[in-house]
Structures are given as structure tokens and as C-alpha cells.
């Protein structure tokens, strides 16, 4: 049969080692084809335009990003006065006890929020209403007095396991700053009167995928899937509206979202949500928290602490048990590891699993900003992939916050990507959107190549010796990510027989200065042979 579409006179970088470059792409039944054109084939001359495979984002919280349709969205890097002004404006016209939900406030702002006076300023801005604002890492919350009241949090409330209630140094009262699992109490109180409908969850996913298309992303792995998210994705695909390959990572534990069910009851239902384009193939484990909140687990102490290194959320035997449970169910595992101790713990658990003969279960270390030098070669040896988010560690707000809690010689040595690649590790690219401001892969690619802030707002470079090449960075956000999440059978490269997922760019990245890569724009995005995005003229 002849293809229905043939793109000609193009510069096509296929990310296929057997034929990395070509000048045309043929599409037949939604797949890349080598068939010759026929009389009914639509032929488009691209006049030399650059074509790449669709990007694959290995770490996305797409539904959280989409839910901003229904929430207060704070401006990037907002300071306290602008946050209070935004809350005041959003509150206008709300019912007296209606919840105000939104974010994200910068993690560097946490020291300023931790006192009674600032909480009272939030109360005034909200007109006494309950407020819950999430921090940029999505691990911590700042809430109003009314929210504390509705959650039953008082001076005598003990810190929950895996979290802490920040208290005013003078009065001892809760300031409204809730770290990790402490925020779940407020989350549950909020859901008694404020919940999204199934239709709204589907709308949030639909909107997020529209945004992903505008950045050329045609496949992604959701890094913390709840029952609501699984249901929304199945609903969209059953209706023929899921124009992306999606892998879901189902929550085993949940210190930050407040999802229900989690763990075994959720995993047992996974098969019911599998569709043509949706694969609920991973579990998600939070093994630690974040460095700025002192909840990441390190091998050496935090700054200004002689002994405190943070701790993991579960002991080694429990972690190994979950890996075994996932493997027996035919599932793979994504593990959040912010500190080098957490990274070592999952590598040890992976070693146990591999020693038992398992070589097929995919294991991803998510984030892994800090890896002890002795553990670098273990990624390749144990077939553990590194899920990296360059959006979060190039010079910017989050590295500034990390620099406040770690000694300079450690804070400046994040993401050893050059070494990981050189030792044979599979390095896969993720945005962690909406923790990152956007899922634009070109921002991540520029960060990987330059180790500098793609926006030029923050000076300097971070460990420049760990920079990688442009070709390697493109592969990180295409074929490597597809392999890491198990989608390389259908996408990640423009290989005949794979889904015709590709993007048409406004310029050739290989002819673009490294500091300008983030300015590259997607002109068109195609998924399974059909156009799903066209840049407005």
C-alpha cells in the first residue's frame, strides 16, 4: 500500500542509529513507512524544515498542571506581597468559607513564611477563608488559620510521621507552613467540601496534553498516578481523545498528594485502566523528600547540622519487598530519590532483585540530583535508569534553596550526567512539570548542554564538566526516555513501523548556538500520523 502522507525536502534527524538522517518521512496507517508514494498520497514539501521524533517526557505530573484550570496560579518567583495580592484578588466574590487553592510559591521563601505575623497577613488577604498554597517542589504547603482550624491542627498537634508542622519560635503556634506529610491533614479537610468531578479530572488531563503538544511532546510518564488520573486517561482514550502515549506510575506511598487508594489496593486495579495508548506499567515510591525541607536522605549531614542527614521513608527490607511485589505483578518501578543515601538504598534494593535473576523489571531513579561517586557505575551494572530533570537543577530558585541547606562543595555537584553516560547508564529526560514552570524539552536540552540557566536570569554554570552533547541531549528526551518507560516499541525514534510521532521545528538545532536552544519553537506536532498542534501564525 502507498502512504497517505509524504513529507519531502526536509532535514530529518531520526534518532535511529541505522539511519540517523534522511530527507523525508512517509506515514502509512499512523506509522512511519518506507513505502513509495502513490497517486493518492498527500505530498508536502517542507522546504528544508527540521524534523525530530516527538519528545518523550519521562517525569510529568500532567494532571496537577492541568488542574490549574480550577486553581489560583501564582506568578513564577512570586514574592510575599505579590502572593498576598493574588490571594486577595482571587478571594473577591467567593463564599465566606470557600477554599482558595493554588501555587506555586518559591521554596526560597520558606524562611519568610514561618511566623505568626505572615500567617495573619494571609488570613487578612483571604478574608478569613481557608487557603492552601503549594510550594514549587509540590512537597510542602503554606495554609491559613482557617485551614488549620478546619484540619484540627493546634499547638498540641504532634508532628506526623514523615512530616512536620512549623511553629512560631515565640508563640509556639503553627505558622501555616506544613512540611511533607503534615500537609495531608489539610488536604483531607479541604476535600470534604472541595473535590473535582470525574469530568473535571478528564478536562485537566485533556488541557495538560494540549500544552504538551505545543512543546512537541507526544509521550510521557505520569510520575504519581492516582485513581482519578487513571480513570481520566481511560475515559479520554475510550472516547478517542488521548493523543499521546502515556505510562502511569501508581502510588505505593503518598507523603504529599493525599490520594486514596494507594499501594496494593490501587495496583490490583491497574489492568482495568489499560487502553491502546495508556499503560499503567509502573509503581511510584517516594523514598525521601526534598533538600530545602531537610527531608531528602543524605550520606553526610546537612549544613549547620552535626549529625542530621535526613532519612528514607521506608527501611531496606520494605523497599526490597515493594520491588519484588511490583516485579511479580509485571510492573516496573519509579523511585523518587533526592539525596545520595536514598539513591544508594534503591541501588542496593535493585542489586537484591537482580541477584534473584530478575533482569526485566525497569527501575528508574527519579531526580537523583546527588549520587555518591562510588555509586555512579552501579546504574549501568544493575540496569537502573536515571530519570533526570535539568529544569530543576540548572542555576535557579531550587538550586538556590538547596544551597541554603547543603555545604557549597556538595550543593554545587548536582546531576553527574556526563559520568553516567560515560559509564553506560541509561539517562532519560523529564520535566517534572509543573514543578518546572513548563515542560519545554528545549529548556532541558539547553541546560544539559550548557549547564546554565536557559532564561539567563540566574548567572553562572553548575558543574560544567558534566555537560553533554546536543545529540546526546536530544536522545535523552526521545529514545532514552522511551526506553526507560517501556515505550520504545512504539515511539522515541522515526523508525519504520513505529508510530508516526514527530515535530517540525522553526530551525535546525545543530546550527543553533547552544545558548539559544531554548528559543527553538515547535511549528507542528504530529501523533500517530495526525497533526495535533500547529503554531498560530
Protein backbone atom coordinates (compact mmCIF):
# COMPACT_ATOMS: atom_id res chain seq x y z
CA UNK A 1 0.00 0.00 0.00
CA UNK A 2 1.05 3.59 -0.55
CA UNK A 3 1.43 6.01 2.36
CA UNK A 4 -1.28 8.58 2.91
CA UNK A 5 1.27 11.32 3.65
CA UNK A 6 4.82 12.00 2.48
CA UNK A 7 6.90 14.85 3.85
CA UNK A 8 9.72 15.71 1.46
CA UNK A 9 12.62 18.15 1.20
CA UNK A 10 13.09 18.04 4.98
CA UNK A 11 16.05 17.73 7.33
CA UNK A 12 15.06 14.74 9.41
CA UNK A 13 17.04 13.61 12.47
CA UNK A 14 15.54 10.21 13.21
CA UNK A 15 17.41 9.21 16.42
CA UNK A 16 17.66 5.81 14.74
CA UNK A 17 21.25 4.58 14.65
CA UNK A 18 20.63 2.57 11.48
CA UNK A 19 19.73 5.73 9.51
CA UNK A 20 20.16 8.86 11.66
CA UNK A 21 19.47 11.32 8.85
CA UNK A 22 17.01 11.40 5.98
CA UNK A 23 15.15 13.94 3.87
CA UNK A 24 11.62 12.55 4.00
CA UNK A 25 9.04 10.92 6.28
CA UNK A 26 6.25 8.71 4.98
CA UNK A 27 3.15 7.98 7.07
CA UNK A 28 1.05 4.87 6.50
CA UNK A 29 -1.79 3.90 8.84
CA UNK A 30 -0.38 6.16 11.53
CA UNK A 31 3.12 4.66 11.38
CA UNK A 32 6.45 5.55 9.84
CA UNK A 33 6.69 3.82 6.48
CA UNK A 34 9.24 3.14 3.75
CA UNK A 35 6.60 2.56 1.08
CA UNK A 36 6.74 4.54 -2.13
CA UNK A 37 4.14 7.24 -2.67
CA UNK A 38 1.10 6.56 -4.80
CA UNK A 39 -1.47 8.60 -6.69
CA UNK A 40 -3.49 9.28 -3.54
CA UNK A 41 -0.53 10.20 -1.32
CA UNK A 42 -0.54 13.75 0.03
CA UNK A 43 2.93 15.17 -0.61
CA UNK A 44 4.21 18.14 1.43
CA UNK A 45 7.41 19.94 0.58
CA UNK A 46 8.87 21.20 3.87
CA UNK A 47 11.41 23.48 2.21
CA UNK A 48 14.26 22.15 4.38
CA UNK A 49 12.43 22.36 7.73
CA UNK A 50 13.91 20.35 10.60
CA UNK A 51 12.01 17.26 11.80
CA UNK A 52 12.57 15.27 15.00
CA UNK A 53 10.75 12.41 16.74
CA UNK A 54 8.14 13.61 19.21
CA UNK A 55 9.63 14.24 22.63
CA UNK A 56 9.12 11.73 25.44
CA UNK A 57 8.88 13.23 28.95
CA UNK A 58 9.80 10.53 31.46
CA UNK A 59 8.66 12.54 34.50
CA UNK A 60 5.47 14.57 34.31
CA UNK A 61 2.65 15.37 36.71
CA UNK A 62 0.40 16.34 33.85
CA UNK A 63 -2.85 16.20 35.79
CA UNK A 64 -1.54 18.54 38.50
CA UNK A 65 -0.60 21.00 35.78
CA UNK A 66 -4.00 20.67 34.14
CA UNK A 67 -5.81 21.27 37.42
CA UNK A 68 -4.54 24.84 37.33
CA UNK A 69 -7.70 25.38 35.27
CA UNK A 70 -9.50 25.35 38.60
CA UNK A 71 -6.88 26.90 40.91
CA UNK A 72 -5.09 30.15 41.71
CA UNK A 73 -1.89 30.28 39.70
CA UNK A 74 0.92 32.34 41.19
CA UNK A 75 3.49 34.05 39.00
CA UNK A 76 6.93 32.47 38.75
CA UNK A 77 9.23 33.52 41.60
CA UNK A 78 6.43 35.42 43.33
CA UNK A 79 7.40 37.33 46.46
CA UNK A 80 5.23 37.60 49.58
CA UNK A 81 3.47 40.90 48.65
CA UNK A 82 2.53 39.59 45.20
CA UNK A 83 1.24 36.31 46.68
CA UNK A 84 -0.93 38.17 49.16
CA UNK A 85 -2.21 40.44 46.38
CA UNK A 86 -3.07 37.42 44.22
CA UNK A 87 -4.94 35.77 47.11
CA UNK A 88 -6.85 38.99 47.79
CA UNK A 89 -7.89 39.31 44.14
CA UNK A 90 -8.87 35.62 43.85
CA UNK A 91 -10.94 35.85 47.05
CA UNK A 92 -13.19 38.57 45.72
CA UNK A 93 -16.69 37.20 45.31
CA UNK A 94 -16.03 33.82 46.94
CA UNK A 95 -18.35 32.42 49.57
CA UNK A 96 -17.24 33.13 53.17
CA UNK A 97 -15.76 29.67 53.79
CA UNK A 98 -14.81 28.70 50.22
CA UNK A 99 -11.35 27.20 49.85
CA UNK A 100 -8.60 29.04 47.99
CA UNK A 101 -6.23 26.53 46.42
CA UNK A 102 -3.20 27.26 44.29
CA UNK A 103 0.53 27.71 43.87
CA UNK A 104 3.37 27.60 43.47
CA UNK A 105 5.41 29.73 45.86
CA UNK A 106 9.22 29.55 45.60
CA UNK A 107 10.99 27.29 48.08
CA UNK A 108 13.44 30.09 48.89
CA UNK A 109 10.51 31.92 50.51
CA UNK A 110 10.01 29.33 53.27
CA UNK A 111 12.06 31.16 55.96
CA UNK A 112 9.95 34.27 55.43
CA UNK A 113 6.67 32.40 55.83
CA UNK A 114 7.45 30.78 59.16
CA UNK A 115 5.88 33.18 61.68
CA UNK A 116 2.51 34.22 63.08
CA UNK A 117 2.53 37.69 61.54
CA UNK A 118 2.84 36.41 57.99
CA UNK A 119 0.08 33.84 58.54
CA UNK A 120 -2.20 36.62 59.80
CA UNK A 121 -1.39 38.62 56.67
CA UNK A 122 -2.55 35.63 54.61
CA UNK A 123 -5.73 35.46 56.71
CA UNK A 124 -6.43 39.12 56.00
CA UNK A 125 -5.82 38.76 52.26
CA UNK A 126 -8.19 35.80 52.10
CA UNK A 127 -10.90 37.44 54.18
CA UNK A 128 -10.61 34.70 56.78
CA UNK A 129 -11.16 31.92 54.24
CA UNK A 130 -9.27 28.63 54.23
CA UNK A 131 -6.20 28.82 51.99
CA UNK A 132 -3.75 26.13 50.89
CA UNK A 133 -0.86 27.16 48.64
CA UNK A 134 1.62 24.56 47.40
CA UNK A 135 5.38 25.16 47.25
CA UNK A 136 7.33 24.83 43.97
CA UNK A 137 8.52 21.28 44.76
CA UNK A 138 4.86 20.29 45.43
CA UNK A 139 6.04 18.67 48.66
CA UNK A 140 5.16 21.43 51.13
CA UNK A 141 2.23 23.77 51.81
CA UNK A 142 1.51 27.15 53.34
CA UNK A 143 -2.01 27.46 54.75
CA UNK A 144 -4.17 30.00 56.53
CA UNK A 145 -5.52 29.98 60.10
CA UNK A 146 -8.94 28.87 58.92
CA UNK A 147 -7.39 25.93 57.04
CA UNK A 148 -5.51 24.91 60.20
CA UNK A 149 -8.74 25.15 62.16
CA UNK A 150 -10.71 23.01 59.72
CA UNK A 151 -7.90 20.44 59.76
CA UNK A 152 -7.82 20.39 63.55
CA UNK A 153 -4.17 21.45 63.74
CA UNK A 154 -3.36 23.24 67.01
CA UNK A 155 -0.37 23.95 69.25
CA UNK A 156 -0.71 20.50 70.77
CA UNK A 157 -0.92 18.60 67.48
CA UNK A 158 2.14 16.34 67.18
CA UNK A 159 4.18 16.18 64.01
CA UNK A 160 3.01 13.30 61.81
CA UNK A 161 5.35 10.58 60.64
CA UNK A 162 7.27 11.83 57.64
CA UNK A 163 6.38 15.47 58.12
CA UNK A 164 6.46 18.47 60.41
CA UNK A 165 4.23 21.35 61.48
CA UNK A 166 6.30 24.52 61.56
CA UNK A 167 5.75 26.54 64.71
CA UNK A 168 6.42 30.18 65.59
CA UNK A 169 9.59 30.48 67.67
CA UNK A 170 7.99 32.95 70.08
CA UNK A 171 4.42 31.72 70.48
CA UNK A 172 4.75 28.04 69.58
CA UNK A 173 1.62 28.23 67.40
CA UNK A 174 1.54 26.64 63.94
CA UNK A 175 2.65 29.18 61.33
CA UNK A 176 0.78 27.50 58.50
CA UNK A 177 3.99 26.11 56.99
CA UNK A 178 3.43 22.36 56.64
CA UNK A 179 6.28 20.11 55.55
CA UNK A 180 5.71 16.90 53.57
CA UNK A 181 3.03 14.64 55.12
CA UNK A 182 1.89 17.35 57.57
CA UNK A 183 0.04 18.94 54.66
CA UNK A 184 -2.10 15.85 54.09
CA UNK A 185 -4.31 16.67 57.06
CA UNK A 186 -5.29 19.96 55.44
CA UNK A 187 -5.65 18.25 52.07
CA UNK A 188 -8.19 15.82 53.53
CA UNK A 189 -10.09 18.59 55.29
CA UNK A 190 -10.31 20.52 52.03
CA UNK A 191 -11.71 17.54 50.14
CA UNK A 192 -14.71 17.35 52.45
CA UNK A 193 -16.17 20.35 50.67
CA UNK A 194 -13.98 20.82 47.57
CA UNK A 195 -13.49 17.93 45.15
CA UNK A 196 -13.14 17.78 41.39
CA UNK A 197 -15.66 15.81 39.37
CA UNK A 198 -14.67 13.00 37.02
CA UNK A 199 -15.38 15.36 34.12
CA UNK A 200 -13.04 17.97 35.61
CA UNK A 201 -10.27 15.40 36.05
CA UNK A 202 -10.65 14.45 32.39
CA UNK A 203 -10.67 18.12 31.41
CA UNK A 204 -7.47 18.69 33.38
CA UNK A 205 -5.70 15.82 31.60
CA UNK A 206 -7.02 16.99 28.23
CA UNK A 207 -5.78 20.53 28.82
CA UNK A 208 -2.37 19.34 30.01
CA UNK A 209 -1.91 17.20 26.91
CA UNK A 210 -2.80 20.17 24.70
CA UNK A 211 0.01 22.10 26.39
CA UNK A 212 2.40 19.16 25.99
CA UNK A 213 1.59 19.05 22.27
CA UNK A 214 2.53 22.71 21.93
CA UNK A 215 6.04 21.74 23.08
CA UNK A 216 6.25 18.72 20.79
CA UNK A 217 5.69 16.10 23.50
CA UNK A 218 3.82 13.05 22.20
CA UNK A 219 4.56 10.61 25.04
CA UNK A 220 5.04 10.96 28.77
CA UNK A 221 5.18 9.08 32.04
CA UNK A 222 2.95 10.38 34.80
CA UNK A 223 5.09 10.22 37.92
CA UNK A 224 2.37 9.89 40.56
CA UNK A 225 -0.87 8.44 39.26
CA UNK A 226 -3.94 8.24 41.48
CA UNK A 227 -7.25 6.51 40.75
CA UNK A 228 -8.67 9.82 39.47
CA UNK A 229 -5.82 10.19 36.96
CA UNK A 230 -6.05 6.58 35.77
CA UNK A 231 -9.80 6.99 35.28
CA UNK A 232 -9.38 10.25 33.37
CA UNK A 233 -6.82 8.75 30.98
CA UNK A 234 -9.00 5.73 30.26
CA UNK A 235 -12.02 7.98 29.75
CA UNK A 236 -10.12 10.06 27.21
CA UNK A 237 -8.75 7.08 25.28
CA UNK A 238 -12.10 5.29 25.23
CA UNK A 239 -13.52 8.45 23.64
CA UNK A 240 -10.69 8.60 21.09
CA UNK A 241 -9.28 11.77 22.69
CA UNK A 242 -5.96 10.57 24.14
CA UNK A 243 -3.44 11.77 21.55
CA UNK A 244 -0.31 10.67 23.41
CA UNK A 245 1.41 7.56 24.67
CA UNK A 246 1.06 7.58 28.45
CA UNK A 247 2.73 5.41 31.07
CA UNK A 248 1.33 5.74 34.59
CA UNK A 249 3.30 5.30 37.82
CA UNK A 250 0.84 4.22 40.50
CA UNK A 251 1.40 5.48 44.03
CA UNK A 252 2.73 2.96 46.56
CA UNK A 253 3.15 5.58 49.28
CA UNK A 254 2.00 9.17 49.27
CA UNK A 255 3.51 11.78 51.59
CA UNK A 256 2.30 14.77 49.55
CA UNK A 257 -0.81 14.25 47.39
CA UNK A 258 -3.39 12.73 49.71
CA UNK A 259 -4.54 10.16 47.16
CA UNK A 260 -6.79 7.24 48.08
CA UNK A 261 -6.40 4.33 47.47
CA UNK A 262 -2.65 3.80 47.28
CA UNK A 263 -0.42 0.73 47.44
CA UNK A 264 -1.79 -2.75 46.90
CA UNK A 265 -5.48 -1.72 46.55
CA UNK A 266 -4.51 0.63 43.71
CA UNK A 267 -2.13 -1.78 41.99
CA UNK A 268 -4.77 -4.50 42.00
CA UNK A 269 -6.98 -2.31 39.80
CA UNK A 270 -4.29 -1.33 37.28
CA UNK A 271 -5.32 -3.70 34.50
CA UNK A 272 -8.79 -2.15 34.28
CA UNK A 273 -7.29 1.14 33.04
CA UNK A 274 -5.08 -0.25 30.27
CA UNK A 275 -6.02 1.05 26.82
CA UNK A 276 -4.40 1.39 23.42
CA UNK A 277 -2.42 4.48 24.42
CA UNK A 278 -2.34 4.17 28.21
CA UNK A 279 -0.03 1.75 30.00
CA UNK A 280 -0.30 1.59 33.82
CA UNK A 281 3.04 -0.19 33.97
CA UNK A 282 4.94 1.37 36.90
CA UNK A 283 4.67 1.82 40.64
CA UNK A 284 5.85 5.06 42.24
CA UNK A 285 7.71 5.12 45.54
CA UNK A 286 8.71 8.26 47.41
CA UNK A 287 11.91 7.19 49.13
CA UNK A 288 12.69 10.62 50.54
CA UNK A 289 11.64 14.28 50.24
CA UNK A 290 13.48 17.43 49.18
CA UNK A 291 16.75 19.02 50.35
CA UNK A 292 15.32 22.50 51.15
CA UNK A 293 12.81 20.91 53.54
CA UNK A 294 15.54 18.76 55.12
CA UNK A 295 13.57 15.66 54.11
CA UNK A 296 15.99 14.32 51.49
CA UNK A 297 18.17 11.45 52.76
CA UNK A 298 21.92 12.09 52.53
CA UNK A 299 25.03 10.15 53.47
CA UNK A 300 26.53 13.25 55.10
CA UNK A 301 24.87 15.87 57.35
CA UNK A 302 23.01 18.97 56.28
CA UNK A 303 24.64 22.38 56.62
CA UNK A 304 24.75 23.56 60.26
CA UNK A 305 23.81 20.07 61.48
CA UNK A 306 26.48 17.86 63.00
CA UNK A 307 24.58 14.60 62.70
CA UNK A 308 21.27 15.08 60.87
CA UNK A 309 21.32 13.59 57.35
CA UNK A 310 17.61 13.04 56.72
CA UNK A 311 16.09 9.59 56.38
CA UNK A 312 14.30 7.41 53.88
CA UNK A 313 10.56 6.79 54.07
CA UNK A 314 10.94 3.03 54.44
CA UNK A 315 13.58 0.57 55.65
CA UNK A 316 15.59 -1.53 53.15
CA UNK A 317 13.53 -4.68 53.61
CA UNK A 318 10.27 -2.84 52.86
CA UNK A 319 11.74 -1.21 49.77
CA UNK A 320 13.06 -4.54 48.51
CA UNK A 321 9.64 -6.06 49.21
CA UNK A 322 7.88 -3.47 47.06
CA UNK A 323 10.29 -4.05 44.18
CA UNK A 324 9.61 -7.76 44.43
CA UNK A 325 5.84 -7.16 44.60
CA UNK A 326 5.99 -4.95 41.50
CA UNK A 327 8.13 -7.45 39.60
CA UNK A 328 5.79 -10.34 40.42
CA UNK A 329 2.86 -8.27 39.11
CA UNK A 330 4.73 -7.48 35.89
CA UNK A 331 5.19 -3.85 36.91
CA UNK A 332 8.28 -1.66 36.93
CA UNK A 333 9.27 1.00 39.45
CA UNK A 334 9.99 4.73 39.57
CA UNK A 335 11.58 5.80 42.85
CA UNK A 336 11.88 9.41 44.00
CA UNK A 337 15.40 9.90 45.38
CA UNK A 338 16.62 13.42 46.12
CA UNK A 339 19.58 12.58 48.38
CA UNK A 340 22.55 10.29 47.77
CA UNK A 341 21.58 8.00 50.64
CA UNK A 342 18.18 7.38 49.04
CA UNK A 343 19.91 6.67 45.71
CA UNK A 344 22.19 4.15 47.38
CA UNK A 345 19.21 2.48 49.07
CA UNK A 346 17.41 1.85 45.78
CA UNK A 347 20.60 0.64 44.10
CA UNK A 348 21.04 -1.83 46.96
CA UNK A 349 17.43 -2.98 46.54
CA UNK A 350 17.96 -3.29 42.78
CA UNK A 351 21.05 -5.40 43.43
CA UNK A 352 18.95 -7.79 45.50
CA UNK A 353 16.31 -8.05 42.78
CA UNK A 354 18.91 -8.62 40.05
CA UNK A 355 20.75 -11.19 42.17
CA UNK A 356 17.49 -13.15 42.28
CA UNK A 357 17.55 -13.44 38.48
CA UNK A 358 15.29 -10.51 37.52
CA UNK A 359 16.71 -8.58 34.55
CA UNK A 360 13.47 -7.33 33.02
CA UNK A 361 11.87 -5.10 35.67
CA UNK A 362 12.60 -1.49 34.79
CA UNK A 363 13.87 0.60 37.69
CA UNK A 364 14.13 4.38 37.48
CA UNK A 365 15.88 6.63 39.98
CA UNK A 366 13.80 9.79 39.73
CA UNK A 367 15.73 13.05 40.13
CA UNK A 368 18.88 11.64 41.74
CA UNK A 369 20.47 15.08 41.84
CA UNK A 370 23.09 13.77 44.23
CA UNK A 371 24.88 10.46 43.63
CA UNK A 372 27.89 9.30 45.62
CA UNK A 373 30.86 8.73 43.28
CA UNK A 374 31.06 5.09 44.37
CA UNK A 375 27.50 4.52 43.12
CA UNK A 376 27.79 6.01 39.63
CA UNK A 377 28.88 2.84 37.83
CA UNK A 378 26.16 0.80 39.57
CA UNK A 379 23.44 2.33 37.38
CA UNK A 380 24.70 0.54 34.27
CA UNK A 381 25.74 -2.60 36.15
CA UNK A 382 22.29 -3.01 37.68
CA UNK A 383 20.37 -1.74 34.63
CA UNK A 384 18.87 1.16 36.59
CA UNK A 385 17.97 4.26 34.58
CA UNK A 386 18.47 7.85 35.70
CA UNK A 387 15.31 9.96 35.35
CA UNK A 388 16.76 13.48 35.32
CA UNK A 389 15.05 16.87 35.34
CA UNK A 390 17.55 19.53 34.17
CA UNK A 391 14.77 22.11 34.52
CA UNK A 392 15.20 21.84 38.31
CA UNK A 393 18.95 21.92 38.81
CA UNK A 394 20.33 24.47 36.35
CA UNK A 395 21.01 27.75 38.21
CA UNK A 396 17.68 28.98 39.56
CA UNK A 397 15.31 29.06 42.52
CA UNK A 398 15.55 25.41 43.56
CA UNK A 399 19.38 25.23 43.42
CA UNK A 400 19.45 28.48 45.42
CA UNK A 401 17.21 26.84 48.03
CA UNK A 402 19.44 23.74 48.09
CA UNK A 403 22.50 25.95 48.57
CA UNK A 404 20.92 27.22 51.78
CA UNK A 405 20.94 23.75 53.35
CA UNK A 406 23.99 21.94 51.95
CA UNK A 407 27.71 22.81 52.09
CA UNK A 408 28.84 24.59 48.89
CA UNK A 409 31.12 21.76 47.77
CA UNK A 410 28.12 19.39 47.78
CA UNK A 411 25.40 21.78 46.59
CA UNK A 412 27.46 22.61 43.51
CA UNK A 413 27.83 18.99 42.39
CA UNK A 414 24.41 18.01 41.14
CA UNK A 415 23.49 15.77 38.22
CA UNK A 416 26.67 13.97 37.06
CA UNK A 417 25.15 13.28 33.64
CA UNK A 418 28.43 13.13 31.68
CA UNK A 419 29.74 10.48 34.03
CA UNK A 420 26.51 8.50 33.97
CA UNK A 421 26.53 8.36 30.17
CA UNK A 422 30.22 7.51 30.06
CA UNK A 423 29.68 4.57 32.42
CA UNK A 424 26.88 3.21 30.22
CA UNK A 425 23.83 4.30 32.22
CA UNK A 426 20.51 4.96 30.51
CA UNK A 427 19.81 8.66 31.15
CA UNK A 428 16.22 9.75 30.44
CA UNK A 429 14.80 13.27 30.37
CA UNK A 430 11.85 14.51 32.38
CA UNK A 431 10.46 17.93 33.16
CA UNK A 432 8.71 17.22 36.48
CA UNK A 433 6.14 19.71 35.20
CA UNK A 434 4.50 21.62 36.92
CA UNK A 435 7.36 21.64 39.45
CA UNK A 436 9.20 23.08 36.46
CA UNK A 437 7.45 26.10 35.01
CA UNK A 438 6.93 24.48 31.63
CA UNK A 439 7.55 21.08 30.01
CA UNK A 440 9.54 22.64 27.15
CA UNK A 441 12.16 20.00 26.34
CA UNK A 442 14.41 22.60 24.69
CA UNK A 443 14.91 24.27 28.07
CA UNK A 444 16.06 20.94 29.46
CA UNK A 445 18.24 20.24 26.44
CA UNK A 446 19.96 23.62 26.67
CA UNK A 447 20.56 23.03 30.39
CA UNK A 448 22.12 19.65 29.67
CA UNK A 449 24.44 21.13 27.03
CA UNK A 450 25.43 24.39 28.78
CA UNK A 451 24.77 23.69 32.48
CA UNK A 452 23.48 27.27 32.64
CA UNK A 453 20.05 28.87 33.16
CA UNK A 454 18.37 28.80 29.73
CA UNK A 455 16.50 32.02 30.57
CA UNK A 456 19.61 33.92 31.63
CA UNK A 457 18.01 35.10 34.87
CA UNK A 458 20.48 33.30 37.13
CA UNK A 459 24.22 33.67 36.50
CA UNK A 460 26.91 31.05 36.45
CA UNK A 461 27.05 27.41 35.49
CA UNK A 462 26.58 24.30 37.60
CA UNK A 463 29.39 21.73 37.41
CA UNK A 464 30.13 22.45 33.72
CA UNK A 465 32.36 19.39 33.43
CA UNK A 466 29.16 17.30 33.41
CA UNK A 467 27.79 18.88 30.21
CA UNK A 468 26.76 16.52 27.41
CA UNK A 469 26.49 16.98 23.65
CA UNK A 470 23.43 18.18 21.76
CA UNK A 471 22.94 14.81 20.07
CA UNK A 472 23.10 13.08 23.46
CA UNK A 473 20.65 15.58 24.97
CA UNK A 474 18.13 15.06 22.15
CA UNK A 475 18.38 11.31 22.64
CA UNK A 476 17.84 11.80 26.39
CA UNK A 477 14.47 13.42 25.63
CA UNK A 478 13.42 10.99 22.90
CA UNK A 479 14.65 7.41 22.56
CA UNK A 480 16.26 7.17 26.01
CA UNK A 481 13.08 8.25 27.74
CA UNK A 482 11.03 5.88 25.61
CA UNK A 483 13.31 3.01 26.62
CA UNK A 484 13.24 3.96 30.28
CA UNK A 485 9.45 3.82 30.48
CA UNK A 486 8.96 0.92 28.06
CA UNK A 487 7.59 2.83 25.08
CA UNK A 488 10.50 2.27 22.70
CA UNK A 489 8.49 -0.38 20.86
CA UNK A 490 6.16 2.36 19.56
CA UNK A 491 7.92 5.72 19.77
CA UNK A 492 11.14 7.60 20.56
CA UNK A 493 12.67 7.41 17.07
CA UNK A 494 11.47 7.74 13.49
CA UNK A 495 11.99 4.06 12.76
CA UNK A 496 9.82 2.31 10.15
CA UNK A 497 6.95 0.54 11.89
CA UNK A 498 6.86 2.89 14.88
CA UNK A 499 4.11 5.42 15.50
CA UNK A 500 4.46 8.49 13.28
CA UNK A 501 5.11 10.87 16.17
CA UNK A 502 7.20 13.84 15.11
CA UNK A 503 7.71 17.57 15.39
CA UNK A 504 8.54 20.20 12.81
CA UNK A 505 10.81 22.93 14.21
CA UNK A 506 11.41 26.56 13.32
CA UNK A 507 15.18 25.98 12.93
CA UNK A 508 17.96 23.41 12.85
CA UNK A 509 19.17 22.84 16.44
CA UNK A 510 22.55 21.64 15.17
CA UNK A 511 23.05 25.04 13.53
CA UNK A 512 21.82 26.94 16.60
CA UNK A 513 24.15 28.42 19.26
CA UNK A 514 23.95 26.39 22.48
CA UNK A 515 22.73 29.40 24.47
CA UNK A 516 19.79 29.82 22.06
CA UNK A 517 18.47 26.24 22.08
CA UNK A 518 15.64 27.09 24.50
CA UNK A 519 14.35 29.60 21.93
CA UNK A 520 13.58 26.84 19.42
CA UNK A 521 9.85 26.57 18.84
CA UNK A 522 7.66 23.74 17.61
CA UNK A 523 5.76 24.65 14.46
CA UNK A 524 3.78 21.41 14.23
CA UNK A 525 3.31 18.30 16.36
CA UNK A 526 2.10 15.01 14.88
CA UNK A 527 0.91 11.97 16.81
CA UNK A 528 0.19 8.63 15.14
CA UNK A 529 0.23 10.31 11.77
CA UNK A 530 -2.17 13.12 12.50
CA UNK A 531 -1.47 16.73 13.31
CA UNK A 532 -2.33 17.55 16.92
CA UNK A 533 -0.75 21.02 17.12
CA UNK A 534 0.06 23.85 14.72
CA UNK A 535 1.70 27.03 15.95
CA UNK A 536 -0.58 30.04 15.39
CA UNK A 537 0.71 32.30 12.64
